[in-house]
Protein backbone atom coordinates (compact mmCIF):
# COMPACT_ATOMS: atom_id res chain seq x y z
CA MET A 1 -85.05 83.58 -46.02
CA SER A 2 -83.85 82.77 -49.58
CA ARG A 3 -85.51 79.30 -49.96
CA ARG A 4 -87.85 76.88 -48.47
CA CYS A 5 -86.33 74.54 -45.90
CA PHE A 6 -86.77 73.01 -42.50
CA LEU A 7 -84.08 74.79 -40.35
CA LEU A 8 -82.16 72.16 -38.31
CA ALA A 9 -84.71 70.21 -36.74
CA GLY A 10 -87.30 70.91 -39.27
CA THR A 11 -88.88 73.64 -37.25
CA ALA A 12 -90.02 76.36 -39.78
CA LEU A 13 -91.44 76.13 -43.18
CA LEU A 14 -90.72 79.68 -44.71
CA ILE A 15 -92.49 80.62 -47.77
CA CYS A 16 -91.88 83.81 -49.83
CA PHE A 17 -94.23 85.60 -52.32
CA LEU A 18 -92.95 87.86 -55.07
CA THR A 19 -94.77 90.02 -57.60
CA PRO A 20 -95.06 88.67 -61.18
CA LEU A 21 -92.50 89.68 -63.57
CA ARG A 22 -92.74 89.88 -67.43
CA SER A 23 -94.36 87.07 -69.21
CA GLN A 24 -93.16 85.61 -72.62
CA SER A 25 -92.13 81.99 -73.49
CA ALA A 26 -88.77 80.63 -72.77
CA PRO A 27 -86.98 77.73 -74.08
CA ALA A 28 -87.64 74.39 -72.36
CA TRP A 29 -85.19 73.61 -69.51
CA LYS A 30 -83.38 70.20 -69.22
CA ASP A 31 -81.88 68.76 -65.98
CA PRO A 32 -78.17 68.24 -66.68
CA SER A 33 -77.65 65.86 -63.79
CA PRO A 34 -76.74 62.43 -65.05
CA HIS A 35 -79.71 60.51 -63.58
CA THR A 36 -82.64 58.53 -64.86
CA ILE A 37 -85.96 58.96 -63.12
CA ARG A 38 -88.63 56.57 -62.22
CA LEU A 39 -91.78 56.49 -60.08
CA ILE A 40 -92.09 53.59 -57.53
CA SER A 41 -95.72 53.05 -55.95
CA VAL A 42 -95.78 52.73 -52.28
CA ASP A 43 -98.89 52.57 -49.93
CA ASP A 44 -101.97 52.32 -52.06
CA ASN A 45 -100.28 53.56 -55.23
CA VAL A 46 -98.76 56.72 -53.82
CA PRO A 47 -95.73 57.14 -56.39
CA LEU A 48 -92.27 58.27 -55.14
CA GLU A 49 -89.84 59.86 -57.38
CA VAL A 50 -86.49 57.79 -57.49
CA LEU A 51 -83.32 59.16 -58.98
CA ASP A 52 -80.62 56.83 -60.31
CA TRP A 53 -77.37 58.30 -60.94
CA GLY A 54 -75.89 54.92 -61.77
CA GLY A 55 -72.30 53.65 -60.56
CA SER A 56 -70.96 50.34 -59.39
CA GLY A 57 -70.65 48.81 -56.02
CA ARG A 58 -72.80 48.73 -53.06
CA ALA A 59 -75.93 50.96 -53.34
CA VAL A 60 -76.03 54.23 -51.55
CA VAL A 61 -79.38 55.70 -51.25
CA LEU A 62 -79.73 59.56 -50.43
CA LEU A 63 -82.70 60.94 -48.35
CA ALA A 64 -83.30 64.85 -48.72
CA GLY A 65 -84.04 67.09 -45.69
CA GLY A 66 -87.35 68.58 -45.08
CA GLY A 67 -88.80 70.65 -47.71
CA ASP A 68 -86.33 69.41 -50.22
CA THR A 69 -86.51 66.70 -53.03
CA ALA A 70 -83.81 64.38 -54.15
CA HIS A 71 -82.66 66.87 -56.70
CA VAL A 72 -80.82 68.62 -53.86
CA PHE A 73 -78.19 65.99 -54.49
CA ASP A 74 -77.87 66.51 -58.17
CA ASP A 75 -74.35 67.88 -57.84
CA PHE A 76 -73.25 65.74 -54.90
CA ALA A 77 -74.42 62.33 -55.92
CA PRO A 78 -72.40 61.90 -59.15
CA LYS A 79 -69.18 62.00 -57.03
CA LEU A 80 -70.02 59.06 -55.11
CA ILE A 81 -70.54 56.70 -58.25
CA ILE A 82 -66.88 55.67 -58.71
CA HIS A 83 -67.46 53.03 -55.73
CA ASN A 84 -71.05 52.98 -55.33
CA HIS A 85 -74.46 52.84 -57.23
CA VAL A 86 -76.17 56.01 -56.14
CA TYR A 87 -80.05 56.57 -55.80
CA GLY A 88 -82.11 59.36 -54.43
CA ILE A 89 -85.65 59.29 -52.93
CA THR A 90 -88.13 62.19 -52.91
CA ARG A 91 -90.47 61.76 -50.11
CA ARG A 92 -94.33 61.72 -50.24
CA GLY A 93 -95.80 65.24 -50.38
CA PHE A 94 -92.82 66.87 -52.28
CA GLY A 95 -91.55 67.41 -55.83
CA ALA A 96 -92.86 64.72 -58.30
CA SER A 97 -93.95 62.25 -55.46
CA GLY A 98 -97.47 61.59 -54.78
CA TYR A 99 -99.10 62.31 -51.31
CA LYS A 100 -101.57 60.56 -49.03
CA GLU A 101 -101.62 61.41 -45.30
CA GLY A 102 -100.63 58.45 -42.72
CA ALA A 103 -101.74 57.93 -39.27
CA ASP A 104 -98.17 57.63 -37.88
CA VAL A 105 -95.81 59.74 -39.87
CA GLY A 106 -92.66 58.39 -38.70
CA GLU A 107 -93.68 54.83 -39.44
CA ARG A 108 -95.39 55.78 -42.83
CA LEU A 109 -92.20 57.61 -44.11
CA GLY A 110 -90.01 54.81 -42.98
CA LYS A 111 -92.18 52.19 -44.69
CA ASP A 112 -91.94 54.27 -47.92
CA VAL A 113 -88.15 54.05 -47.94
CA LEU A 114 -88.37 50.30 -47.11
CA ALA A 115 -90.84 49.88 -50.03
CA VAL A 116 -88.46 51.65 -52.44
CA LEU A 117 -85.46 49.48 -51.35
CA ASP A 118 -87.61 46.24 -52.06
CA ALA A 119 -88.78 47.59 -55.39
CA LEU A 120 -85.15 48.20 -56.35
CA LYS A 121 -84.11 44.62 -54.88
CA LEU A 122 -81.20 46.39 -53.14
CA ASP A 123 -78.94 44.13 -51.05
CA LYS A 124 -77.93 45.82 -47.84
CA PRO A 125 -77.61 49.17 -49.22
CA ILE A 126 -76.26 52.20 -47.33
CA LEU A 127 -78.67 55.05 -46.42
CA ALA A 128 -77.43 58.68 -46.19
CA GLY A 129 -79.87 61.30 -44.99
CA HIS A 130 -80.05 65.15 -44.51
CA SER A 131 -81.67 66.95 -41.53
CA ILE A 132 -85.26 65.56 -40.95
CA ALA A 133 -84.25 62.43 -42.90
CA GLY A 134 -82.48 61.16 -39.85
CA ALA A 135 -85.91 60.09 -38.62
CA GLU A 136 -86.15 57.63 -41.68
CA LEU A 137 -82.64 56.54 -41.04
CA SER A 138 -83.34 55.51 -37.49
CA TRP A 139 -86.65 54.06 -38.26
CA MET A 140 -84.79 51.67 -40.77
CA ALA A 141 -82.20 50.93 -38.28
CA SER A 142 -84.65 50.11 -35.39
CA THR A 143 -87.20 47.94 -37.44
CA HIS A 144 -85.00 46.50 -40.29
CA PRO A 145 -81.25 46.52 -39.16
CA THR A 146 -80.25 43.48 -41.14
CA GLN A 147 -81.58 45.05 -44.32
CA ILE A 148 -79.06 47.92 -44.40
CA ALA A 149 -75.31 48.01 -44.23
CA GLY A 150 -74.85 51.35 -42.81
CA LEU A 151 -76.07 54.83 -42.09
CA VAL A 152 -74.70 58.37 -42.65
CA TYR A 153 -76.44 61.05 -40.81
CA LEU A 154 -75.74 64.51 -42.57
CA GLU A 155 -76.64 66.98 -39.96
CA ALA A 156 -79.41 64.55 -39.21
CA GLY A 157 -78.52 63.32 -35.70
CA TYR A 158 -80.80 65.56 -33.83
CA SER A 159 -83.77 64.58 -31.51
CA TYR A 160 -85.99 63.20 -34.22
CA ALA A 161 -83.28 60.66 -35.06
CA PHE A 162 -81.85 60.05 -31.42
CA ASP A 163 -83.55 60.88 -28.26
CA ASN A 164 -82.33 59.40 -24.77
CA GLY A 165 -83.67 62.36 -22.84
CA LYS A 166 -80.08 63.80 -22.50
CA GLY A 167 -79.69 65.76 -25.81
CA ALA A 168 -81.18 68.83 -27.03
CA ALA A 169 -85.07 68.92 -26.97
CA THR A 170 -86.90 69.99 -30.25
CA ALA A 171 -88.71 72.65 -28.32
CA GLU A 172 -85.33 74.19 -27.31
CA MET A 173 -84.21 74.49 -31.04
CA MET A 174 -87.64 75.88 -32.12
CA ASN A 175 -87.23 78.72 -29.74
CA LEU A 176 -84.04 80.15 -31.39
CA ALA A 177 -84.76 82.46 -34.32
CA ALA A 178 -82.03 82.80 -36.90
CA PRO A 179 -81.42 85.97 -38.67
CA GLN A 180 -82.44 86.03 -42.34
CA PRO A 181 -80.33 87.25 -45.33
CA PRO A 182 -81.94 89.95 -47.52
CA PRO A 183 -84.13 88.33 -50.11
CA PRO A 184 -83.52 88.03 -53.63
CA ASP A 185 -84.34 91.13 -55.64
CA THR A 186 -85.78 91.39 -59.36
CA ALA A 187 -82.39 90.93 -60.78
CA ASP A 188 -81.97 87.67 -58.89
CA LEU A 189 -85.22 86.21 -60.13
CA VAL A 190 -84.74 87.01 -63.83
CA ASN A 191 -84.13 83.25 -64.27
CA PHE A 192 -83.03 80.21 -62.10
CA SER A 193 -79.36 80.85 -63.05
CA ALA A 194 -79.55 84.19 -61.34
CA LEU A 195 -81.16 82.73 -58.35
CA GLN A 196 -78.28 80.27 -58.16
CA LYS A 197 -75.83 83.01 -58.05
CA TYR A 198 -77.87 84.72 -55.37
CA ASP A 199 -77.59 81.51 -53.18
CA LYS A 200 -73.82 81.56 -54.00
CA ARG A 201 -73.64 85.16 -52.79
CA VAL A 202 -75.46 84.88 -49.51
CA ASN A 203 -74.46 81.25 -48.54
CA GLY A 204 -71.04 80.72 -50.14
CA PHE A 205 -72.60 77.78 -52.01
CA GLN A 206 -75.42 77.06 -54.47
CA PHE A 207 -78.14 74.56 -54.78
CA PRO A 208 -78.72 72.58 -58.05
CA GLU A 209 -81.11 74.37 -60.40
CA ALA A 210 -83.34 71.39 -60.68
CA GLU A 211 -83.94 71.56 -56.80
CA LEU A 212 -84.78 75.39 -57.12
CA ARG A 213 -87.27 74.46 -59.89
CA GLU A 214 -88.88 71.95 -57.61
CA GLU A 215 -89.25 74.70 -54.87
CA ARG A 216 -90.47 77.50 -57.19
CA GLN A 217 -92.51 77.86 -59.99
CA ALA A 218 -91.09 78.92 -63.45
CA LYS A 219 -92.82 81.81 -65.32
CA PRO A 220 -93.40 81.36 -69.23
CA ASP A 221 -90.40 83.65 -69.84
CA GLY A 222 -88.24 81.66 -67.68
CA SER A 223 -88.10 83.88 -64.56
CA VAL A 224 -88.50 82.57 -61.16
CA GLY A 225 -92.15 82.81 -59.63
CA ASP A 226 -93.90 81.99 -56.49
CA TRP A 227 -92.98 79.40 -54.12
CA ARG A 228 -94.70 76.09 -54.54
CA ASN A 229 -96.94 74.87 -51.91
CA PRO A 230 -96.29 70.97 -51.36
CA PRO A 231 -98.71 69.19 -49.46
CA GLY A 232 -96.06 67.37 -47.25
CA GLY A 233 -95.14 70.49 -45.06
CA ALA A 234 -97.68 69.75 -42.13
CA MET A 235 -96.67 66.07 -42.27
CA LEU A 236 -93.13 66.88 -41.48
CA MET A 237 -94.03 69.29 -38.72
CA LYS A 238 -96.06 66.40 -37.00
CA LEU A 239 -92.82 64.29 -37.39
CA VAL A 240 -90.69 66.83 -35.73
CA THR A 241 -92.98 67.72 -32.91
CA GLY A 242 -94.57 64.23 -32.10
CA GLY A 243 -92.48 61.49 -33.90
CA LEU A 244 -91.13 58.28 -32.76
CA LYS A 245 -88.22 58.43 -30.35
CA TYR A 246 -85.07 56.36 -31.06
CA THR A 247 -82.73 55.47 -28.33
CA LYS A 248 -80.82 52.83 -30.16
CA ILE A 249 -79.28 52.66 -33.64
CA PRO A 250 -77.94 48.98 -33.93
CA VAL A 251 -76.35 49.60 -37.47
CA SER A 252 -72.80 51.06 -38.33
CA SER A 253 -73.42 54.79 -38.36
CA LEU A 254 -71.47 57.87 -39.44
CA PHE A 255 -72.77 61.18 -37.81
CA ILE A 256 -71.59 64.51 -39.50
CA PHE A 257 -72.57 67.64 -37.44
CA ALA A 258 -72.02 71.28 -38.25
CA ASN A 259 -70.98 73.04 -35.12
CA PRO A 260 -70.81 76.07 -34.72
CA HIS A 261 -73.26 76.61 -37.67
CA GLY A 262 -72.33 78.92 -40.48
CA LEU A 263 -75.30 80.99 -41.38
CA GLY A 264 -73.79 82.11 -44.86
CA THR A 265 -71.18 84.70 -46.24
CA TRP A 266 -73.99 87.37 -46.13
CA VAL A 267 -73.41 87.66 -42.43
CA ASP A 268 -69.87 88.80 -42.35
CA SER A 269 -70.33 90.99 -45.48
CA SER A 270 -73.40 92.75 -43.92
CA PRO A 271 -72.86 96.44 -43.17
CA ASP A 272 -75.20 96.24 -40.40
CA ALA A 273 -73.47 95.56 -36.95
CA SER A 274 -76.83 94.59 -35.42
CA VAL A 275 -77.09 91.88 -37.95
CA ARG A 276 -73.71 90.56 -37.19
CA SER A 277 -74.51 90.70 -33.44
CA SER A 278 -77.77 88.82 -33.66
CA ALA A 279 -76.11 86.25 -36.00
CA LYS A 280 -73.46 85.62 -33.45
CA ALA A 281 -75.90 85.37 -30.56
CA TYR A 282 -77.96 82.78 -32.51
CA THR A 283 -74.95 80.63 -33.51
CA ASP A 284 -73.70 80.84 -29.95
CA ALA A 285 -76.94 79.48 -28.55
CA LEU A 286 -77.25 76.97 -31.25
CA ALA A 287 -73.73 75.83 -30.59
CA ILE A 288 -74.46 75.03 -27.02
CA LEU A 289 -77.55 72.96 -28.17
CA THR A 290 -75.79 71.11 -30.81
CA GLU A 291 -72.70 70.24 -28.58
CA LYS A 292 -75.41 68.98 -25.99
CA GLN A 293 -77.01 66.77 -28.72
CA GLU A 294 -73.68 65.58 -30.12
CA LYS A 295 -72.57 64.42 -26.51
CA ALA A 296 -75.71 62.56 -25.95
CA VAL A 297 -75.44 60.71 -29.35
CA GLU A 298 -71.77 60.06 -28.87
CA GLN A 299 -72.38 58.59 -25.31
CA GLY A 300 -75.55 56.70 -26.20
CA LEU A 301 -73.93 55.11 -29.35
CA PRO A 302 -70.38 54.41 -28.62
CA THR A 303 -69.56 52.32 -31.67
CA ALA A 304 -70.78 55.03 -34.13
CA ARG A 305 -68.42 57.63 -35.91
CA PHE A 306 -68.49 61.24 -35.19
CA ILE A 307 -67.43 64.20 -37.35
CA THR A 308 -67.93 67.79 -36.42
CA LEU A 309 -67.32 70.37 -39.11
CA HIS A 310 -66.68 73.79 -37.66
CA GLY A 311 -68.42 76.55 -39.43
CA ALA A 312 -70.34 74.34 -41.77
CA ASN A 313 -73.84 75.13 -43.08
CA HIS A 314 -76.80 72.99 -42.22
CA PHE A 315 -76.50 71.85 -45.77
CA VAL A 316 -73.24 70.36 -44.96
CA PHE A 317 -72.75 68.25 -48.01
CA LEU A 318 -73.25 71.57 -50.05
CA SER A 319 -71.16 74.01 -48.02
CA ASN A 320 -68.37 71.32 -47.10
CA GLU A 321 -68.70 68.81 -49.99
CA THR A 322 -64.99 68.08 -50.08
CA ASP A 323 -65.04 67.23 -46.44
CA VAL A 324 -68.16 65.16 -46.41
CA LEU A 325 -67.13 63.16 -49.33
CA ARG A 326 -63.77 62.21 -47.77
CA TYR A 327 -65.37 61.17 -44.58
CA MET A 328 -68.23 59.26 -46.15
CA SER A 329 -65.86 57.66 -48.56
CA ALA A 330 -63.68 56.23 -45.74
CA PHE A 331 -66.84 55.21 -43.88
CA LEU A 332 -68.31 53.38 -46.99
CA ALA A 333 -65.17 51.67 -47.95
CA GLU A 334 -65.04 50.11 -44.52
CA LEU A 335 -68.52 48.57 -45.07
CA HIS A 336 -67.65 46.72 -48.41
């Protein structure tokens, strides 16, 4: 796997280790994304990194998927600021945010989001979350529905966000093993720009450089080093396997699913027929489970909006940015 992520239901934290490259100093790197950064203390002075891209209108707060930080939205967020003031939160245990383990992970992470909203004094913001962030969205909807105007589930509507017993169980998704692309080679790790190009080559889209730097160490010469080992990984695994169950979401909601899922451009370009065959078997099995979950959510939440993007990656806001922006913008406009 090319990078750290919780696949779909947050089921697998994959870590790579690479041999050291040459060592010499490189110029300091500056994040080009137009945001300010502040730390907001929650829960006994645990600081959470909050990004502010500015903008005007109702606030939109972006929550990253498992293993990611708010910087994963560095390229996406600025495209929302015409009509909204956009923020992003890096959850505890990742990136620049602090960490302290809580007894009930689902409640603790939800309260972290609430504490940030209160500190920012946001009036009925819209929350948009990717992947495992669906649990935080549903916690907010279940416990503080009057404090938010709407929710956007970006490939985040799985069992950790909605589970009425009729959808796809977490265990079913955990049993699926996705084929992995070839890992980056030495040339792909010469610097973070090269790693972005590797991502573009295998995925068809690239991750913001700041996000890659949050996930992997930078060597003195500017080359890409080992994966970081954030303390929040085990916490998220607990959330996936034993978190709260949500059967109602009493807030205006938009669900965007990818189905069938795209695994990346590397699959079709692979010269190995067995790779293409295993990829198809995986996506076919995943499509059945995803459709099962989609139907459960749609039937259980008849007032919610549902969009299915065929062939989109799990990082749907990166692989299908134009589509996601269009559907989000229409949804957000109705909430103003």
